Amino acid sequence: MDVTLNIVFQLIASIGSLATFGAFVFLFRRDKDKQAQIDRLTGIATILEAQNDTMKKQNDLLAQQVDIFRNTSLLKGGDQDAIRHLQEIEERKLRLSVEPNLWTNGGGYNGSTGEFSIDLNNKGEVAIIQEFVNNTADVTLYNNSLPYELEKGANRKILGRQSGDKHIKDCDIDIDVIFTDRLKNRFLSKIKGIGINIKIVETSEI
């Protein structure tokens, strides 16, 4: 009888342990799902913010066009400056409609191997990544298959590892991201920082 009771108590304890373990797994998965949802919402908010900025720029260009069209005497008289200005506005509107907008929210590293990754995101139109140019001796880049089409709302990794005695968290990062838009306009975004504490400090047309 005592042996039977002992077995029963052991079974109950085992079931309790499994239930506790299951509860931990459930909580972990729930937290992980919440984080994934937060990440997705953050990405959507970032894209919407970029779209709002683009719309403001386009509205400003449209307002400039309206001002020119209101002055019909200039156009009827064949005013070349007005016509040229209208052409420039149309070209700027076209470029805005295909303009990529790269950003980064940091990355991660493995202290034991010296490897690191940088999250490169795009909140604008399609960017064709042409080249990653490394400007520091502290790290080397590898396995970055290019060219690569980075769609709106998408992201990809820039991969590398330390190349000296510095710990990867202390290494200088200085990377030029060369990319083009759908019209083949060429741009450079510069990523700078220490370790994974990095950001895009400037973007310019080249």
C-alpha atoms as a PDB file:
ATOM      1  CA  MET A   1       0.000   0.000   0.000  1.00  0.00           C
ATOM      2  CA  ASP A   2       2.811   2.423   0.950  1.00  0.00           C
ATOM      3  CA  VAL A   3       4.611   1.570  -2.289  1.00  0.00           C
ATOM      4  CA  THR A   4       1.459   2.328  -4.276  1.00  0.00           C
ATOM      5  CA  LEU A   5       0.956   5.659  -2.521  1.00  0.00           C
ATOM      6  CA  ASN A   6       4.578   6.552  -3.121  1.00  0.00           C
ATOM      7  CA  ILE A   7       4.195   5.839  -6.827  1.00  0.00           C
ATOM      8  CA  VAL A   8       1.028   7.942  -6.947  1.00  0.00           C
ATOM      9  CA  PHE A   9       2.771  10.870  -5.228  1.00  0.00           C
ATOM     10  CA  GLN A  10       5.681  10.590  -7.657  1.00  0.00           C
ATOM     11  CA  LEU A  11       3.286  10.645 -10.602  1.00  0.00           C
ATOM     12  CA  ILE A  12       1.514  13.710  -9.207  1.00  0.00           C
ATOM     13  CA  ALA A  13       4.877  15.439  -8.657  1.00  0.00           C
ATOM     14  CA  SER A  14       5.916  14.583 -12.222  1.00  0.00           C
ATOM     15  CA  ILE A  15       2.672  15.925 -13.642  1.00  0.00           C
ATOM     16  CA  GLY A  16       3.130  19.090 -11.576  1.00  0.00           C
ATOM     17  CA  SER A  17       6.661  19.509 -12.881  1.00  0.00           C
ATOM     18  CA  LEU A  18       5.477  19.029 -16.465  1.00  0.00           C
ATOM     19  CA  ALA A  19       2.686  21.545 -15.921  1.00  0.00           C
ATOM     20  CA  THR A  20       5.158  24.064 -14.485  1.00  0.00           C
ATOM     21  CA  PHE A  21       7.529  23.493 -17.404  1.00  0.00           C
ATOM     22  CA  GLY A  22       4.648  23.847 -19.827  1.00  0.00           C
ATOM     23  CA  ALA A  23       3.624  27.115 -18.207  1.00  0.00           C
ATOM     24  CA  PHE A  24       7.168  28.483 -18.600  1.00  0.00           C
ATOM     25  CA  VAL A  25       7.230  27.420 -22.270  1.00  0.00           C
ATOM     26  CA  PHE A  26       3.835  29.056 -22.827  1.00  0.00           C
ATOM     27  CA  LEU A  27       4.957  32.304 -21.187  1.00  0.00           C
ATOM     28  CA  PHE A  28       8.206  32.304 -23.183  1.00  0.00           C
ATOM     29  CA  ARG A  29       6.361  31.727 -26.445  1.00  0.00           C
ATOM     30  CA  ARG A  30       3.769  34.356 -25.555  1.00  0.00           C
ATOM     31  CA  ASP A  31       6.492  36.917 -24.796  1.00  0.00           C
ATOM     32  CA  LYS A  32       8.295  35.963 -27.992  1.00  0.00           C
ATOM     33  CA  ASP A  33       5.067  36.378 -30.000  1.00  0.00           C
ATOM     34  CA  LYS A  34       4.479  39.779 -28.372  1.00  0.00           C
ATOM     35  CA  GLN A  35       7.986  40.898 -29.279  1.00  0.00           C
ATOM     36  CA  ALA A  36       7.461  39.737 -32.864  1.00  0.00           C
ATOM     37  CA  GLN A  37       4.212  41.728 -32.993  1.00  0.00           C
ATOM     38  CA  ILE A  38       5.951  44.791 -31.548  1.00  0.00           C
ATOM     39  CA  ASP A  39       8.735  44.464 -34.144  1.00  0.00           C
ATOM     40  CA  ARG A  40       6.192  44.191 -36.964  1.00  0.00           C
ATOM     41  CA  LEU A  41       4.219  47.204 -35.714  1.00  0.00           C
ATOM     42  CA  THR A  42       7.424  49.221 -35.349  1.00  0.00           C
ATOM     43  CA  GLY A  43       8.338  48.372 -38.933  1.00  0.00           C
ATOM     44  CA  ILE A  44       4.890  49.391 -40.190  1.00  0.00           C
ATOM     45  CA  ALA A  45       5.020  52.673 -38.241  1.00  0.00           C
ATOM     46  CA  THR A  46       8.459  53.447 -39.691  1.00  0.00           C
ATOM     47  CA  ILE A  47       7.241  52.843 -43.244  1.00  0.00           C
ATOM     48  CA  LEU A  48       4.129  54.987 -42.716  1.00  0.00           C
ATOM     49  CA  GLU A  49       6.283  57.801 -41.332  1.00  0.00           C
ATOM     50  CA  ALA A  50       8.509  57.655 -44.411  1.00  0.00           C
ATOM     51  CA  GLN A  51       5.476  57.636 -46.718  1.00  0.00           C
ATOM     52  CA  ASN A  52       4.104  60.690 -44.910  1.00  0.00           C
ATOM     53  CA  ASP A  53       7.388  62.545 -45.433  1.00  0.00           C
ATOM     54  CA  THR A  54       7.359  61.645 -49.140  1.00  0.00           C
ATOM     55  CA  MET A  55       3.771  62.833 -49.520  1.00  0.00           C
ATOM     56  CA  LYS A  56       4.675  66.166 -47.895  1.00  0.00           C
ATOM     57  CA  LYS A  57       7.514  66.624 -50.387  1.00  0.00           C
ATOM     58  CA  GLN A  58       5.262  65.711 -53.308  1.00  0.00           C
ATOM     59  CA  ASN A  59       2.557  68.115 -52.107  1.00  0.00           C
ATOM     60  CA  ASP A  60       5.133  70.886 -51.886  1.00  0.00           C
ATOM     61  CA  LEU A  61       6.201  70.221 -55.473  1.00  0.00           C
ATOM     62  CA  LEU A  62       2.566  70.162 -56.578  1.00  0.00           C
ATOM     63  CA  ALA A  63       1.995  73.525 -54.896  1.00  0.00           C
ATOM     64  CA  GLN A  64       4.939  74.944 -56.833  1.00  0.00           C
ATOM     65  CA  GLN A  65       3.427  73.671 -60.075  1.00  0.00           C
ATOM     66  CA  VAL A  66       0.057  75.228 -59.248  1.00  0.00           C
ATOM     67  CA  ASP A  67       1.735  78.588 -58.652  1.00  0.00           C
ATOM     68  CA  ILE A  68       3.370  78.419 -62.068  1.00  0.00           C
ATOM     69  CA  PHE A  69       0.172  77.347 -63.839  1.00  0.00           C
ATOM     70  CA  ARG A  70      -1.737  80.209 -62.217  1.00  0.00           C
ATOM     71  CA  ASN A  71       0.619  82.603 -63.945  1.00  0.00           C
ATOM     72  CA  THR A  72      -0.652  81.540 -67.376  1.00  0.00           C
ATOM     73  CA  SER A  73       0.845  84.601 -69.042  1.00  0.00           C
ATOM     74  CA  LEU A  74       4.305  83.155 -68.472  1.00  0.00           C
ATOM     75  CA  LEU A  75       3.415  79.878 -70.162  1.00  0.00           C
ATOM     76  CA  LYS A  76       1.503  81.520 -73.023  1.00  0.00           C
ATOM     77  CA  GLY A  77       4.436  83.785 -73.622  1.00  0.00           C
ATOM     78  CA  GLY A  78       6.752  80.812 -73.831  1.00  0.00           C
ATOM     79  CA  ASP A  79       8.689  81.791 -70.713  1.00  0.00           C
ATOM     80  CA  GLN A  80      11.570  79.325 -70.858  1.00  0.00           C
ATOM     81  CA  ASP A  81      12.461  79.683 -67.181  1.00  0.00           C
ATOM     82  CA  ALA A  82       8.918  78.756 -66.126  1.00  0.00           C
ATOM     83  CA  ILE A  83       8.822  75.812 -68.533  1.00  0.00           C
ATOM     84  CA  ARG A  84      12.241  74.618 -67.363  1.00  0.00           C
ATOM     85  CA  HIS A  85      11.136  74.912 -63.724  1.00  0.00           C
ATOM     86  CA  LEU A  86       8.050  72.797 -64.462  1.00  0.00           C
ATOM     87  CA  GLN A  87      10.247  70.155 -66.068  1.00  0.00           C
ATOM     88  CA  GLU A  88      12.530  70.132 -63.037  1.00  0.00           C
ATOM     89  CA  ILE A  89       9.548  69.687 -60.711  1.00  0.00           C
ATOM     90  CA  GLU A  90       8.248  66.761 -62.778  1.00  0.00           C
ATOM     91  CA  GLU A  91      11.662  65.119 -62.624  1.00  0.00           C
ATOM     92  CA  ARG A  92      11.834  65.584 -58.837  1.00  0.00           C
ATOM     93  CA  LYS A  93       8.333  64.102 -58.463  1.00  0.00           C
ATOM     94  CA  LEU A  94       9.403  61.083 -60.511  1.00  0.00           C
ATOM     95  CA  ARG A  95      12.535  60.604 -58.419  1.00  0.00           C
ATOM     96  CA  LEU A  96      10.532  60.848 -55.193  1.00  0.00           C
ATOM     97  CA  SER A  97       8.183  58.126 -56.447  1.00  0.00           C
ATOM     98  CA  VAL A  98      11.073  55.618 -56.639  1.00  0.00           C
ATOM     99  CA  GLU A  99      13.268  56.891 -53.792  1.00  0.00           C
ATOM    100  CA  PRO A 100      14.612  54.255 -51.336  1.00  0.00           C
ATOM    101  CA  ASN A 101      15.074  55.178 -47.676  1.00  0.00           C
ATOM    102  CA  LEU A 102      17.574  52.995 -45.813  1.00  0.00           C
ATOM    103  CA  TRP A 103      17.861  52.822 -42.026  1.00  0.00           C
ATOM    104  CA  THR A 104      19.384  50.550 -39.413  1.00  0.00           C
ATOM    105  CA  ASN A 105      18.340  49.599 -35.892  1.00  0.00           C
ATOM    106  CA  GLY A 106      21.723  48.172 -34.892  1.00  0.00           C
ATOM    107  CA  GLY A 107      22.655  44.518 -35.017  1.00  0.00           C
ATOM    108  CA  GLY A 108      24.282  41.789 -32.989  1.00  0.00           C
ATOM    109  CA  TYR A 109      27.606  40.071 -32.400  1.00  0.00           C
ATOM    110  CA  ASN A 110      29.162  36.857 -31.122  1.00  0.00           C
ATOM    111  CA  GLY A 111      31.967  37.676 -28.695  1.00  0.00           C
ATOM    112  CA  SER A 112      33.556  34.219 -28.928  1.00  0.00           C
ATOM    113  CA  THR A 113      33.893  34.193 -32.722  1.00  0.00           C
ATOM    114  CA  GLY A 114      34.203  37.949 -33.334  1.00  0.00           C
ATOM    115  CA  GLU A 115      31.405  37.808 -35.901  1.00  0.00           C
ATOM    116  CA  PHE A 116      28.805  40.564 -36.193  1.00  0.00           C
ATOM    117  CA  SER A 117      25.730  41.449 -38.215  1.00  0.00           C
ATOM    118  CA  ILE A 118      24.072  44.762 -39.005  1.00  0.00           C
ATOM    119  CA  ASP A 119      20.342  45.021 -39.743  1.00  0.00           C
ATOM    120  CA  LEU A 120      19.825  47.063 -42.909  1.00  0.00           C
ATOM    121  CA  ASN A 121      16.195  48.091 -43.495  1.00  0.00           C
ATOM    122  CA  ASN A 122      14.345  49.957 -46.220  1.00  0.00           C
ATOM    123  CA  LYS A 123      11.338  52.162 -45.482  1.00  0.00           C
ATOM    124  CA  GLY A 124      11.239  53.649 -48.987  1.00  0.00           C
ATOM    125  CA  GLU A 125      10.887  52.230 -52.483  1.00  0.00           C
ATOM    126  CA  VAL A 126      13.031  49.386 -53.841  1.00  0.00           C
ATOM    127  CA  ALA A 127      16.786  49.801 -53.310  1.00  0.00           C
ATOM    128  CA  ILE A 128      19.215  47.759 -55.407  1.00  0.00           C
ATOM    129  CA  ILE A 129      22.199  47.268 -53.103  1.00  0.00           C
ATOM    130  CA  GLN A 130      25.291  47.326 -55.302  1.00  0.00           C
ATOM    131  CA  GLU A 131      28.223  47.291 -52.906  1.00  0.00           C
ATOM    132  CA  PHE A 132      29.347  47.378 -49.271  1.00  0.00           C
ATOM    133  CA  VAL A 133      32.611  49.311 -48.878  1.00  0.00           C
ATOM    134  CA  ASN A 134      34.509  48.692 -45.631  1.00  0.00           C
ATOM    135  CA  ASN A 135      36.592  51.713 -44.555  1.00  0.00           C
ATOM    136  CA  THR A 136      38.204  50.358 -41.375  1.00  0.00           C
ATOM    137  CA  ALA A 137      40.914  47.789 -40.610  1.00  0.00           C
ATOM    138  CA  ASP A 138      39.147  46.638 -37.427  1.00  0.00           C
ATOM    139  CA  VAL A 139      36.718  44.371 -39.296  1.00  0.00           C
ATOM    140  CA  THR A 140      36.265  42.502 -42.547  1.00  0.00           C
ATOM    141  CA  LEU A 141      33.003  41.881 -44.409  1.00  0.00           C
ATOM    142  CA  TYR A 142      32.034  38.530 -45.921  1.00  0.00           C
ATOM    143  CA  ASN A 143      29.280  36.512 -47.580  1.00  0.00           C
ATOM    144  CA  ASN A 144      27.390  39.600 -48.713  1.00  0.00           C
ATOM    145  CA  SER A 145      25.932  38.413 -52.018  1.00  0.00           C
ATOM    146  CA  LEU A 146      25.359  41.456 -54.235  1.00  0.00           C
ATOM    147  CA  PRO A 147      23.636  43.048 -56.059  1.00  0.00           C
ATOM    148  CA  TYR A 148      20.531  42.585 -53.929  1.00  0.00           C
ATOM    149  CA  GLU A 149      17.029  44.055 -54.254  1.00  0.00           C
ATOM    150  CA  LEU A 150      15.849  45.362 -50.907  1.00  0.00           C
ATOM    151  CA  GLU A 151      12.079  45.794 -51.107  1.00  0.00           C
ATOM    152  CA  LYS A 152      10.024  48.350 -49.165  1.00  0.00           C
ATOM    153  CA  GLY A 153       9.573  47.119 -45.583  1.00  0.00           C
ATOM    154  CA  ALA A 154      12.248  44.434 -46.017  1.00  0.00           C
ATOM    155  CA  ASN A 155      15.615  43.999 -44.324  1.00  0.00           C
ATOM    156  CA  ARG A 156      18.838  42.102 -44.775  1.00  0.00           C
ATOM    157  CA  LYS A 157      22.055  41.530 -42.846  1.00  0.00           C
ATOM    158  CA  ILE A 158      25.500  42.978 -43.411  1.00  0.00           C
ATOM    159  CA  LEU A 159      27.874  40.273 -42.153  1.00  0.00           C
ATOM    160  CA  GLY A 160      31.467  40.550 -40.939  1.00  0.00           C
ATOM    161  CA  ARG A 161      33.984  39.707 -38.230  1.00  0.00           C
ATOM    162  CA  GLN A 162      36.784  41.363 -36.302  1.00  0.00           C
ATOM    163  CA  SER A 163      40.182  41.300 -37.999  1.00  0.00           C
ATOM    164  CA  GLY A 164      42.470  42.448 -35.176  1.00  0.00           C
ATOM    165  CA  ASP A 165      42.921  42.068 -31.418  1.00  0.00           C
ATOM    166  CA  LYS A 166      40.024  44.329 -30.430  1.00  0.00           C
ATOM    167  CA  HIS A 167      36.872  42.747 -29.073  1.00  0.00           C
ATOM    168  CA  ILE A 168      34.144  43.127 -31.681  1.00  0.00           C
ATOM    169  CA  LYS A 169      32.133  45.389 -29.339  1.00  0.00           C
ATOM    170  CA  ASP A 170      35.049  47.869 -29.392  1.00  0.00           C
ATOM    171  CA  CYS A 171      35.748  47.772 -33.140  1.00  0.00           C
ATOM    172  CA  ASP A 172      35.302  50.834 -35.358  1.00  0.00           C
ATOM    173  CA  ILE A 173      32.564  50.358 -37.945  1.00  0.00           C
ATOM    174  CA  ASP A 174      32.636  52.495 -41.096  1.00  0.00           C
ATOM    175  CA  ILE A 175      30.719  51.037 -44.036  1.00  0.00           C
ATOM    176  CA  ASP A 176      29.514  52.723 -47.229  1.00  0.00           C
ATOM    177  CA  VAL A 177      26.335  51.182 -48.621  1.00  0.00           C
ATOM    178  CA  ILE A 178      26.209  51.877 -52.366  1.00  0.00           C
ATOM    179  CA  PHE A 179      22.756  51.467 -53.895  1.00  0.00           C
ATOM    180  CA  THR A 180      20.564  52.577 -56.790  1.00  0.00           C
ATOM    181  CA  ASP A 181      16.867  53.205 -57.285  1.00  0.00           C
ATOM    182  CA  ARG A 182      14.705  51.880 -60.137  1.00  0.00           C
ATOM    183  CA  LEU A 183      15.826  54.792 -62.325  1.00  0.00           C
ATOM    184  CA  LYS A 184      19.489  53.858 -61.709  1.00  0.00           C
ATOM    185  CA  ASN A 185      20.179  57.000 -59.670  1.00  0.00           C
ATOM    186  CA  ARG A 186      23.139  56.122 -57.447  1.00  0.00           C
ATOM    187  CA  PHE A 187      23.346  56.790 -53.692  1.00  0.00           C
ATOM    188  CA  LEU A 188      25.664  56.249 -50.734  1.00  0.00           C
ATOM    189  CA  SER A 189      24.538  55.692 -47.139  1.00  0.00           C
ATOM    190  CA  LYS A 190      27.340  55.759 -44.565  1.00  0.00           C
ATOM    191  CA  ILE A 191      27.087  53.525 -41.489  1.00  0.00           C
ATOM    192  CA  LYS A 192      29.349  54.508 -38.595  1.00  0.00           C
ATOM    193  CA  GLY A 193      29.793  53.634 -34.940  1.00  0.00           C
ATOM    194  CA  ILE A 194      31.500  51.344 -32.430  1.00  0.00           C
ATOM    195  CA  GLY A 195      30.556  47.668 -32.291  1.00  0.00           C
ATOM    196  CA  ILE A 196      26.816  47.385 -32.864  1.00  0.00           C
ATOM    197  CA  ASN A 197      26.191  50.923 -31.612  1.00  0.00           C
ATOM    198  CA  ILE A 198      25.944  52.184 -35.161  1.00  0.00           C
ATOM    199  CA  LYS A 199      23.675  54.306 -37.313  1.00  0.00           C
ATOM    200  CA  ILE A 200      23.405  55.751 -40.807  1.00  0.00           C
ATOM    201  CA  VAL A 201      25.001  59.172 -40.407  1.00  0.00           C
ATOM    202  CA  GLU A 202      24.329  60.469 -43.919  1.00  0.00           C
ATOM    203  CA  THR A 203      22.872  59.554 -47.291  1.00  0.00           C
ATOM    204  CA  SER A 204      23.828  61.373 -50.470  1.00  0.00           C
ATOM    205  CA  GLU A 205      23.554  60.979 -54.217  1.00  0.00           C
ATOM    206  CA  ILE A 206      26.804  60.081 -55.966  1.00  0.00           C
END
